[in-house]
Amino acid sequence: MRNAAVLKLSRRTTILGSLVLLGGLSKASLAGTITDAGKVSVSVTAPKRIVTIGSAVTEIVIALGERKNMIAIDLTSIYAAGAEGLTNVGYMRALSTEGVLSQSPDLMCVSSDSGPPEVLDALRGSGIPFALIPHVPSTAGVKEKVTLLGILLDKPAEAEKLNAEIEAEFAALAAKVSAVTRHPKVLFVLSLADNRIMAGGHDTAADMVINLAGGENIAESFTGYKPMSAEAILENPPDAVLMMTGGPSSHATTANIFSQAAFANSPAAKNDALIRMDSGYLLGVGPYTARAATDLARRLHPDLAL
């Protein structure tokens, strides 16, 4: 009887040990595997030649400690801290298959707002690990990027720490802005040519940053980046105009912009309230978005202690 009991205990121990081992293997198999923005499962093991597309993706990969394994970036990432010296494969929305693949990457981390679509399809079909990282203009969207890249690069602890820091910065800004009683009206102008104003509407990175900074986006009646008529702006004139440095209308002077009929009599024109910010910093939806929104809040609310 004693031998039977020992044998039974031994079998039980072996089974438990096997379950623990299987659990460990299951956990290990999850490291480096994500479901990306294209609903595709992407797996990678210890990548050594990473290409990042999109300033936020680049900033996060660097923040997670993977700069040593990065070989190339896109044009929007060239001013990201730590990205100096990396090859530039072109503008994120005008990528070429050959330009990216010529770098011989073993992992491509690409923001989902990149393009053109046929190039993304070709990169996905190359057989090289290709991860489409969701670009969602929200505070939760920032954290999702960090979490997914942390899993993909097997840096979960680093991602958790980075997300905690990002969440604290958003919370600190929200606490300060909650004291604001007046929300200045802001218009983000993506481009301005031939009296055609391309503005940032609802569900855009510009809209996100304006709202985080305690402003009111006057273009929230539409979604995305679309033309806005002079009449619509005259009906709801902005207190400030927000634009990018290095953008398509970066050559335009303050006088040029405020001489436009849509802005000439606005509070923004009367107060020379033209605010320019780096495109990646302003629109990246990444680890520095809370800081970008804080910088904008300082301009919109000069009396607020930020």
Foldseek 3Di string as FASTA:
>chain_A
DVVVVVVVVVVVVVVVVVVVVVVVVVVVQQQQWDQAPVRDIFGDDQWQEEEEEFQQLVLLCVLLPNLRRYAEYAPLNCPRPSCPPHHHLYHQADGALCSVCVSVGQEYEHEQPGDDPVSLVVNVVPPRGYHHHYDFQDLVSQLSSLCVVCRNNVRNVSSVVLNVVLVVLLVVLQVLLVPDPDAFEEWEFQDADPNWTWTAEPRALLCSLSVSLRHHYLRPVDHGTGTDHLVSCQVPPGLAYEYECVGPHNVADLCRVCVRSSRVPGNCNVVVRYHYYHPSLRGRSYSNSSVVSNVVSCSRCVPGDD
